[in-house]
Amino acid sequence: MLEALQDYGSGLLPDSALRRRAAARTDAPSTAPRAAHLTAAATRGVGVTAALWAGADRVCTQAWTYQLHRAGWLATYHGISHDPAGRLRAVTLFDGTGAHVPYDDPAWDGEHERLDDAGVRAGLARYGITVTRSDPELPLVDLDDTGLLEDTDR
């Protein structure tokens, strides 16, 4: 979720932005493609650094992704840029967009678990992001009490 909500780095996330998103956890089936392990020590020898997933240069990230896909990889295993400790890992699948299971492999179907808002909120709070109301209840003020409606025909 940190990656998807990176624009809310100021620490406040409107609950409407959270409601527009869905998250899922899944265990990869045995038929899942092997992922290029970008955090393996040996990858440093070919130029892989944490900048691929933690840097702001998305053009560089996309170029690496394109080349890995051309080389036959269908997924990558990498760090997560918004994890300050640098320990979390993610898998990115190189699959077409749309409402279908990854690689049209039915083994993925039914493995998804929708995360509840309370769990997501608690996870975001660990990283300093507070979910706020999108529609704050502001007090109603009678305009007669403000002096704004005074007679201007004096």
Protein backbone atom coordinates (compact mmCIF):
# COMPACT_ATOMS: atom_id res chain seq x y z
CA MET A 1 0.00 0.00 0.00
CA LEU A 2 2.86 2.41 0.65
CA GLU A 3 3.81 2.36 -3.02
CA ALA A 4 0.26 3.04 -4.20
CA LEU A 5 -0.25 5.84 -1.70
CA GLN A 6 3.13 7.52 -2.12
CA ASP A 7 1.58 10.89 -2.99
CA TYR A 8 0.36 11.17 0.60
CA GLY A 9 3.83 11.46 2.09
CA SER A 10 2.70 14.51 4.05
CA GLY A 11 1.15 12.08 6.48
CA LEU A 12 -2.53 12.73 5.77
CA LEU A 13 -4.60 10.47 3.54
CA PRO A 14 -8.27 11.30 2.85
CA ASP A 15 -10.45 8.28 3.50
CA SER A 16 -12.05 8.78 0.06
CA ALA A 17 -8.65 8.03 -1.54
CA LEU A 18 -8.39 4.86 0.52
CA ARG A 19 -11.93 3.75 -0.41
CA ARG A 20 -11.12 4.13 -4.14
CA ARG A 21 -8.41 1.48 -3.86
CA ALA A 22 -8.42 -2.20 -3.14
CA ALA A 23 -5.56 -4.31 -1.91
CA ALA A 24 -5.07 -8.02 -2.02
CA ARG A 25 -2.68 -10.54 -0.63
CA THR A 26 -2.02 -13.75 -2.37
CA ASP A 27 0.35 -16.65 -2.25
CA ALA A 28 1.89 -17.36 -5.63
CA PRO A 29 0.85 -20.76 -6.95
CA SER A 30 3.45 -23.32 -7.96
CA THR A 31 2.74 -22.38 -11.59
CA ALA A 32 3.85 -18.77 -11.02
CA PRO A 33 6.79 -17.72 -13.17
CA ARG A 34 10.21 -17.39 -11.57
CA ALA A 35 11.05 -13.82 -10.66
CA ALA A 36 14.34 -12.06 -11.33
CA HIS A 37 15.75 -11.72 -7.79
CA LEU A 38 16.98 -8.11 -7.87
CA THR A 39 17.99 -8.07 -4.20
CA ALA A 40 20.45 -10.95 -4.59
CA ALA A 41 24.05 -9.93 -3.89
CA ALA A 42 25.21 -11.11 -7.32
CA THR A 43 23.01 -8.57 -9.12
CA ARG A 44 25.27 -5.77 -7.93
CA GLY A 45 27.85 -7.04 -10.40
CA VAL A 46 25.56 -6.18 -13.31
CA GLY A 47 24.66 -2.73 -12.00
CA VAL A 48 21.54 -3.38 -9.93
CA THR A 49 21.20 -1.04 -6.97
CA ALA A 50 18.30 -0.08 -4.71
CA ALA A 51 17.85 2.97 -6.96
CA LEU A 52 15.87 0.70 -9.31
CA TRP A 53 13.00 0.53 -6.82
CA ALA A 54 13.81 3.30 -4.35
CA GLY A 55 15.00 6.05 -6.68
CA ALA A 56 12.92 8.73 -8.33
CA ASP A 57 14.22 7.97 -11.84
CA ARG A 58 11.27 5.99 -13.21
CA VAL A 59 12.76 6.10 -16.72
CA CYS A 60 15.72 4.06 -15.42
CA THR A 61 13.37 1.62 -13.63
CA GLN A 62 11.26 1.19 -16.75
CA ALA A 63 14.33 0.63 -18.94
CA TRP A 64 15.55 -2.15 -16.64
CA THR A 65 12.07 -3.67 -16.53
CA TYR A 66 11.83 -3.60 -20.31
CA GLN A 67 15.21 -5.31 -20.69
CA LEU A 68 14.39 -7.96 -18.08
CA HIS A 69 11.12 -8.71 -19.85
CA ARG A 70 12.93 -8.91 -23.20
CA ALA A 71 15.33 -11.39 -21.60
CA GLY A 72 12.38 -13.65 -20.77
CA TRP A 73 11.59 -12.74 -17.18
CA LEU A 74 7.89 -12.48 -16.32
CA ALA A 75 8.34 -11.05 -12.83
CA THR A 76 10.81 -9.31 -10.53
CA TYR A 77 11.46 -9.68 -6.81
CA HIS A 78 12.66 -6.39 -5.35
CA GLY A 79 12.61 -3.96 -2.45
CA ILE A 80 9.89 -1.42 -1.78
CA SER A 81 10.84 2.23 -2.11
CA HIS A 82 8.72 3.56 0.74
CA ASP A 83 10.01 1.14 3.36
CA PRO A 84 12.42 3.20 5.48
CA ALA A 85 14.02 0.07 6.94
CA GLY A 86 14.64 -1.41 3.49
CA ARG A 87 13.50 -4.90 4.54
CA LEU A 88 10.14 -5.29 2.81
CA ARG A 89 9.99 -7.10 -0.52
CA ALA A 90 7.52 -7.15 -3.39
CA VAL A 91 6.98 -9.04 -6.61
CA THR A 92 6.04 -7.22 -9.78
CA LEU A 93 4.38 -9.31 -12.48
CA PHE A 94 4.87 -8.39 -16.13
CA ASP A 95 1.34 -9.10 -17.25
CA GLY A 96 -1.24 -7.17 -19.23
CA THR A 97 -3.67 -4.92 -17.40
CA GLY A 98 -7.30 -5.74 -17.00
CA ALA A 99 -9.69 -7.70 -14.87
CA HIS A 100 -8.18 -11.16 -15.17
CA VAL A 101 -6.07 -13.44 -13.04
CA PRO A 102 -2.30 -13.14 -13.67
CA TYR A 103 -1.19 -14.82 -16.89
CA ASP A 104 -4.73 -16.17 -17.26
CA ASP A 105 -3.62 -18.97 -14.92
CA PRO A 106 -6.63 -20.25 -12.93
CA ALA A 107 -4.27 -21.36 -10.15
CA TRP A 108 -4.17 -17.70 -9.05
CA ASP A 109 -7.96 -17.46 -8.90
CA GLY A 110 -9.52 -17.51 -5.47
CA GLU A 111 -6.27 -16.86 -3.68
CA HIS A 112 -6.95 -13.17 -3.16
CA GLU A 113 -7.91 -11.71 0.18
CA ARG A 114 -9.36 -8.24 0.35
CA LEU A 115 -7.77 -6.26 3.14
CA ASP A 116 -10.12 -4.51 5.52
CA ASP A 117 -9.83 -0.77 6.01
CA ALA A 118 -8.90 -1.19 9.68
CA GLY A 119 -5.92 -3.38 8.76
CA VAL A 120 -4.78 -1.00 6.04
CA ARG A 121 -5.16 2.00 8.37
CA ALA A 122 -3.07 0.29 11.05
CA GLY A 123 -0.38 -0.59 8.51
CA LEU A 124 -0.26 2.96 7.16
CA ALA A 125 -0.08 4.37 10.69
CA ARG A 126 3.12 2.39 11.27
CA TYR A 127 4.68 4.53 8.52
CA GLY A 128 3.31 7.85 9.74
CA ILE A 129 0.27 8.12 7.45
CA THR A 130 -3.00 9.02 9.15
CA VAL A 131 -6.31 8.42 7.39
CA THR A 132 -8.48 11.52 7.73
CA ARG A 133 -12.11 12.21 6.97
CA SER A 134 -12.76 13.43 3.44
CA ASP A 135 -15.93 15.18 4.51
CA PRO A 136 -15.14 16.91 7.79
CA GLU A 137 -18.14 17.99 9.81
CA LEU A 138 -17.72 21.72 10.06
CA PRO A 139 -19.90 23.68 12.47
CA LEU A 140 -22.74 25.61 10.90
CA VAL A 141 -22.56 29.32 11.56
CA ASP A 142 -25.62 31.50 11.29
CA LEU A 143 -24.73 34.30 8.85
CA ASP A 144 -26.76 36.75 10.93
CA ASP A 145 -24.24 36.19 13.74
CA THR A 146 -21.24 37.00 11.56
CA GLY A 147 -22.06 40.59 10.72
CA LEU A 148 -21.67 39.77 7.03
CA LEU A 149 -25.33 40.45 6.29
CA GLU A 150 -25.45 43.96 7.75
CA ASP A 151 -27.47 46.44 5.80
CA THR A 152 -25.15 48.17 3.31
CA ASP A 153 -27.72 50.87 2.36
CA ARG A 154 -26.69 53.34 5.05
